[in-house]
């Protein structure tokens, strides 16, 4: 289990293939709120997806899969 206090605003969020697909806004409960995208929309992913944290937040799935499953509201049903 990762330590959520390691996750800081503006950290890159990278997928299991190493590509960046988002930046951190902040940790919100058991979710990671991502910075607004080009359309001004925040997205949320579960902290359970985070595999490691160093200078980046690494998630356990490919970016396209993560983006299909993220939610646009806190407490949403991301899978």
PDB file of N, CA and C in Angstrom:
ATOM      1  N   UNK A   1       0.854  -1.194   0.000  1.00  0.00           N
ATOM      2  CA  UNK A   1       0.000   0.000   0.000  1.00  0.00           C
ATOM      3  C   UNK A   1       0.888   1.242   0.000  1.00  0.00           C
ATOM      4  N   UNK A   2       0.538   2.199  -0.799  1.00  0.00           N
ATOM      5  CA  UNK A   2       1.302   3.430  -0.885  1.00  0.00           C
ATOM      6  C   UNK A   2       0.901   4.370   0.250  1.00  0.00           C
ATOM      7  N   UNK A   3       1.742   5.344   0.506  1.00  0.00           N
ATOM      8  CA  UNK A   3       1.457   6.366   1.504  1.00  0.00           C
ATOM      9  C   UNK A   3       0.932   7.595   0.769  1.00  0.00           C
ATOM     10  N   UNK A   4      -0.361   7.915   0.907  1.00  0.00           N
ATOM     11  CA  UNK A   4      -0.940   9.038   0.164  1.00  0.00           C
ATOM     12  C   UNK A   4      -0.256  10.380   0.428  1.00  0.00           C
ATOM     13  N   UNK A   5       0.429  10.523   1.568  1.00  0.00           N
ATOM     14  CA  UNK A   5       1.095  11.793   1.862  1.00  0.00           C
ATOM     15  C   UNK A   5       2.304  12.021   0.945  1.00  0.00           C
ATOM     16  N   UNK A   6       2.764  10.982   0.247  1.00  0.00           N
ATOM     17  CA  UNK A   6       3.854  11.121  -0.716  1.00  0.00           C
ATOM     18  C   UNK A   6       3.384  11.820  -1.996  1.00  0.00           C
ATOM     19  N   UNK A   7       2.090  11.798  -2.243  1.00  0.00           N
ATOM     20  CA  UNK A   7       1.537  12.340  -3.484  1.00  0.00           C
ATOM     21  C   UNK A   7       1.321  13.841  -3.322  1.00  0.00           C
ATOM     22  N   UNK A   8       1.942  14.605  -4.208  1.00  0.00           N
ATOM     23  CA  UNK A   8       1.894  16.056  -4.130  1.00  0.00           C
ATOM     24  C   UNK A   8       1.237  16.650  -5.381  1.00  0.00           C
ATOM     25  N   UNK A   9       0.627  17.834  -5.255  1.00  0.00           N
ATOM     26  CA  UNK A   9       0.040  18.495  -6.419  1.00  0.00           C
ATOM     27  C   UNK A   9       1.056  18.659  -7.551  1.00  0.00           C
ATOM     28  N   UNK A  10       0.562  18.545  -8.759  1.00  0.00           N
ATOM     29  CA  UNK A  10       1.316  18.727 -10.004  1.00  0.00           C
ATOM     30  C   UNK A  10       2.264  17.583 -10.348  1.00  0.00           C
ATOM     31  N   UNK A  11       2.270  16.506  -9.532  1.00  0.00           N
ATOM     32  CA  UNK A  11       3.100  15.353  -9.882  1.00  0.00           C
ATOM     33  C   UNK A  11       2.530  14.701 -11.138  1.00  0.00           C
ATOM     34  N   UNK A  12       3.395  14.239 -12.054  1.00  0.00           N
ATOM     35  CA  UNK A  12       2.905  13.513 -13.229  1.00  0.00           C
ATOM     36  C   UNK A  12       2.295  12.175 -12.809  1.00  0.00           C
ATOM     37  N   UNK A  13       1.233  11.777 -13.491  1.00  0.00           N
ATOM     38  CA  UNK A  13       0.623  10.469 -13.290  1.00  0.00           C
ATOM     39  C   UNK A  13       0.936   9.653 -14.536  1.00  0.00           C
ATOM     40  N   UNK A  14       1.637   8.527 -14.341  1.00  0.00           N
ATOM     41  CA  UNK A  14       2.064   7.716 -15.476  1.00  0.00           C
ATOM     42  C   UNK A  14       1.434   6.331 -15.412  1.00  0.00           C
ATOM     43  N   UNK A  15       1.214   5.775 -16.595  1.00  0.00           N
ATOM     44  CA  UNK A  15       0.567   4.477 -16.708  1.00  0.00           C
ATOM     45  C   UNK A  15       1.592   3.354 -16.598  1.00  0.00           C
ATOM     46  N   UNK A  16       1.110   2.121 -16.650  1.00  0.00           N
ATOM     47  CA  UNK A  16       1.974   0.954 -16.545  1.00  0.00           C
ATOM     48  C   UNK A  16       2.956   0.844 -17.704  1.00  0.00           C
ATOM     49  N   UNK A  17       2.696   1.559 -18.793  1.00  0.00           N
ATOM     50  CA  UNK A  17       3.602   1.562 -19.943  1.00  0.00           C
ATOM     51  C   UNK A  17       4.587   2.731 -19.892  1.00  0.00           C
ATOM     52  N   UNK A  18       4.515   3.543 -18.818  1.00  0.00           N
ATOM     53  CA  UNK A  18       5.456   4.634 -18.625  1.00  0.00           C
ATOM     54  C   UNK A  18       5.043   5.982 -19.179  1.00  0.00           C
ATOM     55  N   UNK A  19       3.919   6.046 -19.887  1.00  0.00           N
ATOM     56  CA  UNK A  19       3.465   7.306 -20.461  1.00  0.00           C
ATOM     57  C   UNK A  19       2.654   8.128 -19.478  1.00  0.00           C
ATOM     58  N   UNK A  20       2.871   9.437 -19.503  1.00  0.00           N
ATOM     59  CA  UNK A  20       2.097  10.330 -18.643  1.00  0.00           C
ATOM     60  C   UNK A  20       0.726  10.570 -19.261  1.00  0.00           C
ATOM     61  N   UNK A  21      -0.329  10.444 -18.441  1.00  0.00           N
ATOM     62  CA  UNK A  21      -1.671  10.716 -18.948  1.00  0.00           C
ATOM     63  C   UNK A  21      -2.419  11.752 -18.120  1.00  0.00           C
ATOM     64  N   UNK A  22      -1.803  12.227 -17.031  1.00  0.00           N
ATOM     65  CA  UNK A  22      -2.469  13.231 -16.195  1.00  0.00           C
ATOM     66  C   UNK A  22      -1.452  13.835 -15.234  1.00  0.00           C
ATOM     67  N   UNK A  23      -1.921  14.844 -14.475  1.00  0.00           N
ATOM     68  CA  UNK A  23      -1.166  15.415 -13.363  1.00  0.00           C
ATOM     69  C   UNK A  23      -2.072  15.420 -12.141  1.00  0.00           C
ATOM     70  N   UNK A  24      -1.461  15.366 -10.988  1.00  0.00           N
ATOM     71  CA  UNK A  24      -2.197  15.358  -9.724  1.00  0.00           C
ATOM     72  C   UNK A  24      -2.723  16.751  -9.412  1.00  0.00           C
ATOM     73  N   UNK A  25      -3.980  16.825  -8.976  1.00  0.00           N
ATOM     74  CA  UNK A  25      -4.504  18.032  -8.352  1.00  0.00           C
ATOM     75  C   UNK A  25      -4.274  17.875  -6.840  1.00  0.00           C
ATOM     76  N   UNK A  26      -4.890  16.832  -6.253  1.00  0.00           N
ATOM     77  CA  UNK A  26      -4.645  16.496  -4.847  1.00  0.00           C
ATOM     78  C   UNK A  26      -5.309  15.160  -4.505  1.00  0.00           C
ATOM     79  N   UNK A  27      -4.988  14.641  -3.316  1.00  0.00           N
ATOM     80  CA  UNK A  27      -5.633  13.429  -2.809  1.00  0.00           C
ATOM     81  C   UNK A  27      -6.927  13.859  -2.140  1.00  0.00           C
ATOM     82  N   UNK A  28      -7.995  13.148  -2.444  1.00  0.00           N
ATOM     83  CA  UNK A  28      -9.314  13.459  -1.882  1.00  0.00           C
ATOM     84  C   UNK A  28      -9.910  12.153  -1.357  1.00  0.00           C
ATOM     85  N   UNK A  29      -9.762  11.925  -0.055  1.00  0.00           N
ATOM     86  CA  UNK A  29     -10.239  10.679   0.534  1.00  0.00           C
ATOM     87  C   UNK A  29      -9.443   9.507   0.000  1.00  0.00           C
ATOM     88  N   UNK A  30     -10.136   8.530  -0.575  1.00  0.00           N
ATOM     89  CA  UNK A  30      -9.488   7.347  -1.144  1.00  0.00           C
ATOM     90  C   UNK A  30      -9.326   7.467  -2.654  1.00  0.00           C
ATOM     91  N   UNK A  31      -9.372   8.709  -3.130  1.00  0.00           N
ATOM     92  CA  UNK A  31      -9.245   8.946  -4.570  1.00  0.00           C
ATOM     93  C   UNK A  31      -8.165   9.982  -4.847  1.00  0.00           C
ATOM     94  N   UNK A  32      -7.690   9.932  -6.059  1.00  0.00           N
ATOM     95  CA  UNK A  32      -6.742  10.916  -6.545  1.00  0.00           C
ATOM     96  C   UNK A  32      -7.497  11.820  -7.511  1.00  0.00           C
ATOM     97  N   UNK A  33      -7.572  13.108  -7.166  1.00  0.00           N
ATOM     98  CA  UNK A  33      -8.202  14.073  -8.055  1.00  0.00           C
ATOM     99  C   UNK A  33      -7.125  14.562  -9.008  1.00  0.00           C
ATOM    100  N   UNK A  34      -7.390  14.441 -10.291  1.00  0.00           N
ATOM    101  CA  UNK A  34      -6.432  14.834 -11.310  1.00  0.00           C
ATOM    102  C   UNK A  34      -6.674  16.275 -11.737  1.00  0.00           C
ATOM    103  N   UNK A  35      -5.614  16.947 -12.158  1.00  0.00           N
ATOM    104  CA  UNK A  35      -5.716  18.325 -12.627  1.00  0.00           C
ATOM    105  C   UNK A  35      -6.649  18.389 -13.833  1.00  0.00           C
ATOM    106  N   UNK A  36      -7.223  19.550 -14.042  1.00  0.00           N
ATOM    107  CA  UNK A  36      -8.159  19.728 -15.156  1.00  0.00           C
ATOM    108  C   UNK A  36      -7.500  19.393 -16.490  1.00  0.00           C
ATOM    109  N   UNK A  37      -8.282  18.775 -17.360  1.00  0.00           N
ATOM    110  CA  UNK A  37      -7.796  18.469 -18.700  1.00  0.00           C
ATOM    111  C   UNK A  37      -7.979  19.691 -19.610  1.00  0.00           C
ATOM    112  N   UNK A  38      -7.743  19.513 -20.887  1.00  0.00           N
ATOM    113  CA  UNK A  38      -7.852  20.618 -21.847  1.00  0.00           C
ATOM    114  C   UNK A  38      -9.257  21.215 -21.936  1.00  0.00           C
ATOM    115  N   UNK A  39     -10.250  20.436 -21.523  1.00  0.00           N
ATOM    116  CA  UNK A  39     -11.639  20.903 -21.561  1.00  0.00           C
ATOM    117  C   UNK A  39     -12.094  21.475 -20.220  1.00  0.00           C
ATOM    118  N   UNK A  40     -11.169  21.578 -19.259  1.00  0.00           N
ATOM    119  CA  UNK A  40     -11.508  22.143 -17.961  1.00  0.00           C
ATOM    120  C   UNK A  40     -12.180  21.178 -17.012  1.00  0.00           C
ATOM    121  N   UNK A  41     -12.033  19.867 -17.251  1.00  0.00           N
ATOM    122  CA  UNK A  41     -12.700  18.841 -16.451  1.00  0.00           C
ATOM    123  C   UNK A  41     -11.702  18.124 -15.543  1.00  0.00           C
ATOM    124  N   UNK A  42     -12.056  18.012 -14.253  1.00  0.00           N
ATOM    125  CA  UNK A  42     -11.280  17.167 -13.337  1.00  0.00           C
ATOM    126  C   UNK A  42     -11.702  15.722 -13.536  1.00  0.00           C
ATOM    127  N   UNK A  43     -10.801  14.793 -13.244  1.00  0.00           N
ATOM    128  CA  UNK A  43     -11.107  13.368 -13.244  1.00  0.00           C
ATOM    129  C   UNK A  43     -10.598  12.777 -11.944  1.00  0.00           C
ATOM    130  N   UNK A  44     -11.169  11.631 -11.562  1.00  0.00           N
ATOM    131  CA  UNK A  44     -10.813  10.959 -10.317  1.00  0.00           C
ATOM    132  C   UNK A  44     -10.467   9.508 -10.607  1.00  0.00           C
ATOM    133  N   UNK A  45      -9.415   9.031  -9.917  1.00  0.00           N
ATOM    134  CA  UNK A  45      -9.074   7.615  -9.970  1.00  0.00           C
ATOM    135  C   UNK A  45      -8.892   7.121  -8.538  1.00  0.00           C
ATOM    136  N   UNK A  46      -9.166   5.839  -8.284  1.00  0.00           N
ATOM    137  CA  UNK A  46      -8.979   5.309  -6.930  1.00  0.00           C
ATOM    138  C   UNK A  46      -7.497   5.218  -6.571  1.00  0.00           C
ATOM    139  N   UNK A  47      -7.184   5.463  -5.314  1.00  0.00           N
ATOM    140  CA  UNK A  47      -5.805   5.294  -4.856  1.00  0.00           C
ATOM    141  C   UNK A  47      -5.356   3.836  -5.000  1.00  0.00           C
ATOM    142  N   UNK A  48      -6.304   2.909  -5.047  1.00  0.00           N
ATOM    143  CA  UNK A  48      -5.981   1.489  -5.231  1.00  0.00           C
ATOM    144  C   UNK A  48      -5.233   1.245  -6.542  1.00  0.00           C
ATOM    145  N   UNK A  49      -5.401   2.111  -7.513  1.00  0.00           N
ATOM    146  CA  UNK A  49      -4.706   1.966  -8.799  1.00  0.00           C
ATOM    147  C   UNK A  49      -3.232   2.331  -8.696  1.00  0.00           C
ATOM    148  N   UNK A  50      -2.858   3.098  -7.680  1.00  0.00           N
ATOM    149  CA  UNK A  50      -1.479   3.581  -7.556  1.00  0.00           C
ATOM    150  C   UNK A  50      -0.589   2.438  -7.078  1.00  0.00           C
ATOM    151  N   UNK A  51       0.433   2.125  -7.874  1.00  0.00           N
ATOM    152  CA  UNK A  51       1.335   1.036  -7.517  1.00  0.00           C
ATOM    153  C   UNK A  51       2.572   1.541  -6.778  1.00  0.00           C
ATOM    154  N   UNK A  52       3.135   2.656  -7.217  1.00  0.00           N
ATOM    155  CA  UNK A  52       4.289   3.243  -6.541  1.00  0.00           C
ATOM    156  C   UNK A  52       4.268   4.761  -6.711  1.00  0.00           C
ATOM    157  N   UNK A  53       5.025   5.415  -5.834  1.00  0.00           N
ATOM    158  CA  UNK A  53       5.185   6.869  -5.912  1.00  0.00           C
ATOM    159  C   UNK A  53       6.668   7.170  -5.740  1.00  0.00           C
ATOM    160  N   UNK A  54       7.239   7.884  -6.699  1.00  0.00           N
ATOM    161  CA  UNK A  54       8.592   8.408  -6.559  1.00  0.00           C
ATOM    162  C   UNK A  54       8.493   9.884  -6.953  1.00  0.00           C
ATOM    163  N   UNK A  55       9.124  10.300  -8.022  1.00  0.00           N
ATOM    164  CA  UNK A  55       8.908  11.666  -8.499  1.00  0.00           C
ATOM    165  C   UNK A  55       7.667  11.739  -9.373  1.00  0.00           C
ATOM    166  N   UNK A  56       7.042  10.574  -9.599  1.00  0.00           N
ATOM    167  CA  UNK A  56       5.796  10.443 -10.364  1.00  0.00           C
ATOM    168  C   UNK A  56       4.863   9.509  -9.609  1.00  0.00           C
ATOM    169  N   UNK A  57       3.593   9.573  -9.970  1.00  0.00           N
ATOM    170  CA  UNK A  57       2.602   8.639  -9.445  1.00  0.00           C
ATOM    171  C   UNK A  57       2.400   7.574 -10.521  1.00  0.00           C
ATOM    172  N   UNK A  58       2.710   6.332 -10.201  1.00  0.00           N
ATOM    173  CA  UNK A  58       2.618   5.231 -11.155  1.00  0.00           C
ATOM    174  C   UNK A  58       1.337   4.437 -10.889  1.00  0.00           C
ATOM    175  N   UNK A  59       0.534   4.225 -11.923  1.00  0.00           N
ATOM    176  CA  UNK A  59      -0.673   3.418 -11.781  1.00  0.00           C
ATOM    177  C   UNK A  59      -0.463   2.054 -12.443  1.00  0.00           C
ATOM    178  N   UNK A  60      -1.302   1.107 -12.047  1.00  0.00           N
ATOM    179  CA  UNK A  60      -1.115  -0.296 -12.420  1.00  0.00           C
ATOM    180  C   UNK A  60      -1.789  -0.719 -13.718  1.00  0.00           C
ATOM    181  N   UNK A  61      -2.128   0.241 -14.566  1.00  0.00           N
ATOM    182  CA  UNK A  61      -2.827  -0.086 -15.820  1.00  0.00           C
ATOM    183  C   UNK A  61      -2.399   0.866 -16.930  1.00  0.00           C
ATOM    184  N   UNK A  62      -2.622   0.447 -18.179  1.00  0.00           N
ATOM    185  CA  UNK A  62      -2.305   1.335 -19.307  1.00  0.00           C
ATOM    186  C   UNK A  62      -3.136   2.625 -19.245  1.00  0.00           C
ATOM    187  N   UNK A  63      -2.606   3.694 -19.780  1.00  0.00           N
ATOM    188  CA  UNK A  63      -3.279   4.996 -19.745  1.00  0.00           C
ATOM    189  C   UNK A  63      -4.635   5.003 -20.408  1.00  0.00           C
ATOM    190  N   UNK A  64      -4.768   4.314 -21.563  1.00  0.00           N
ATOM    191  CA  UNK A  64      -6.066   4.312 -22.241  1.00  0.00           C
ATOM    192  C   UNK A  64      -7.122   3.603 -21.402  1.00  0.00           C
ATOM    193  N   UNK A  65      -6.723   2.543 -20.702  1.00  0.00           N
ATOM    194  CA  UNK A  65      -7.660   1.837 -19.820  1.00  0.00           C
ATOM    195  C   UNK A  65      -8.044   2.723 -18.638  1.00  0.00           C
ATOM    196  N   UNK A  66      -7.073   3.412 -18.068  1.00  0.00           N
ATOM    197  CA  UNK A  66      -7.341   4.304 -16.936  1.00  0.00           C
ATOM    198  C   UNK A  66      -8.295   5.424 -17.339  1.00  0.00           C
ATOM    199  N   UNK A  67      -8.064   6.005 -18.517  1.00  0.00           N
ATOM    200  CA  UNK A  67      -8.907   7.111 -18.960  1.00  0.00           C
ATOM    201  C   UNK A  67     -10.329   6.660 -19.296  1.00  0.00           C
ATOM    202  N   UNK A  68     -10.506   5.412 -19.709  1.00  0.00           N
ATOM    203  CA  UNK A  68     -11.858   4.893 -19.958  1.00  0.00           C
ATOM    204  C   UNK A  68     -12.617   4.691 -18.652  1.00  0.00           C
ATOM    205  N   UNK A  69     -11.874   4.382 -17.570  1.00  0.00           N
ATOM    206  CA  UNK A  69     -12.525   4.028 -16.310  1.00  0.00           C
ATOM    207  C   UNK A  69     -12.554   5.151 -15.280  1.00  0.00           C
ATOM    208  N   UNK A  70     -11.819   6.265 -15.519  1.00  0.00           N
ATOM    209  CA  UNK A  70     -11.846   7.320 -14.517  1.00  0.00           C
ATOM    210  C   UNK A  70     -13.220   7.946 -14.450  1.00  0.00           C
ATOM    211  N   UNK A  71     -13.490   8.683 -13.372  1.00  0.00           N
ATOM    212  CA  UNK A  71     -14.797   9.322 -13.198  1.00  0.00           C
ATOM    213  C   UNK A  71     -14.623  10.831 -13.190  1.00  0.00           C
ATOM    214  N   UNK A  72     -15.731  11.532 -13.343  1.00  0.00           N
ATOM    215  CA  UNK A  72     -15.691  13.000 -13.333  1.00  0.00           C
ATOM    216  C   UNK A  72     -16.291  13.584 -12.052  1.00  0.00           C
ATOM    217  N   UNK A  73     -16.610  12.717 -11.100  1.00  0.00           N
ATOM    218  CA  UNK A  73     -17.108  13.205  -9.815  1.00  0.00           C
ATOM    219  C   UNK A  73     -16.514  12.371  -8.688  1.00  0.00           C
ATOM    220  N   UNK A  74     -16.297  12.998  -7.523  1.00  0.00           N
ATOM    221  CA  UNK A  74     -15.749  12.242  -6.398  1.00  0.00           C
ATOM    222  C   UNK A  74     -16.710  11.129  -6.003  1.00  0.00           C
ATOM    223  N   UNK A  75     -16.144  10.004  -5.632  1.00  0.00           N
ATOM    224  CA  UNK A  75     -16.969   8.877  -5.216  1.00  0.00           C
ATOM    225  C   UNK A  75     -17.603   8.145  -6.359  1.00  0.00           C
ATOM    226  N   UNK A  76     -17.189   8.474  -7.607  1.00  0.00           N
ATOM    227  CA  UNK A  76     -17.737   7.795  -8.784  1.00  0.00           C
ATOM    228  C   UNK A  76     -17.315   6.344  -8.815  1.00  0.00           C
ATOM    229  N   UNK A  77     -17.882   5.605  -9.727  1.00  0.00           N
ATOM    230  CA  UNK A  77     -17.642   4.171  -9.814  1.00  0.00           C
ATOM    231  C   UNK A  77     -16.546   3.823 -10.810  1.00  0.00           C
ATOM    232  N   UNK A  78     -15.327   4.215 -10.529  1.00  0.00           N
ATOM    233  CA  UNK A  78     -14.211   3.777 -11.367  1.00  0.00           C
ATOM    234  C   UNK A  78     -13.954   2.305 -11.086  1.00  0.00           C
ATOM    235  N   UNK A  79     -13.571   1.578 -12.093  1.00  0.00           N
ATOM    236  CA  UNK A  79     -13.360   0.138 -11.902  1.00  0.00           C
ATOM    237  C   UNK A  79     -11.900  -0.188 -11.833  1.00  0.00           C
TER     238      UNK A  79
END
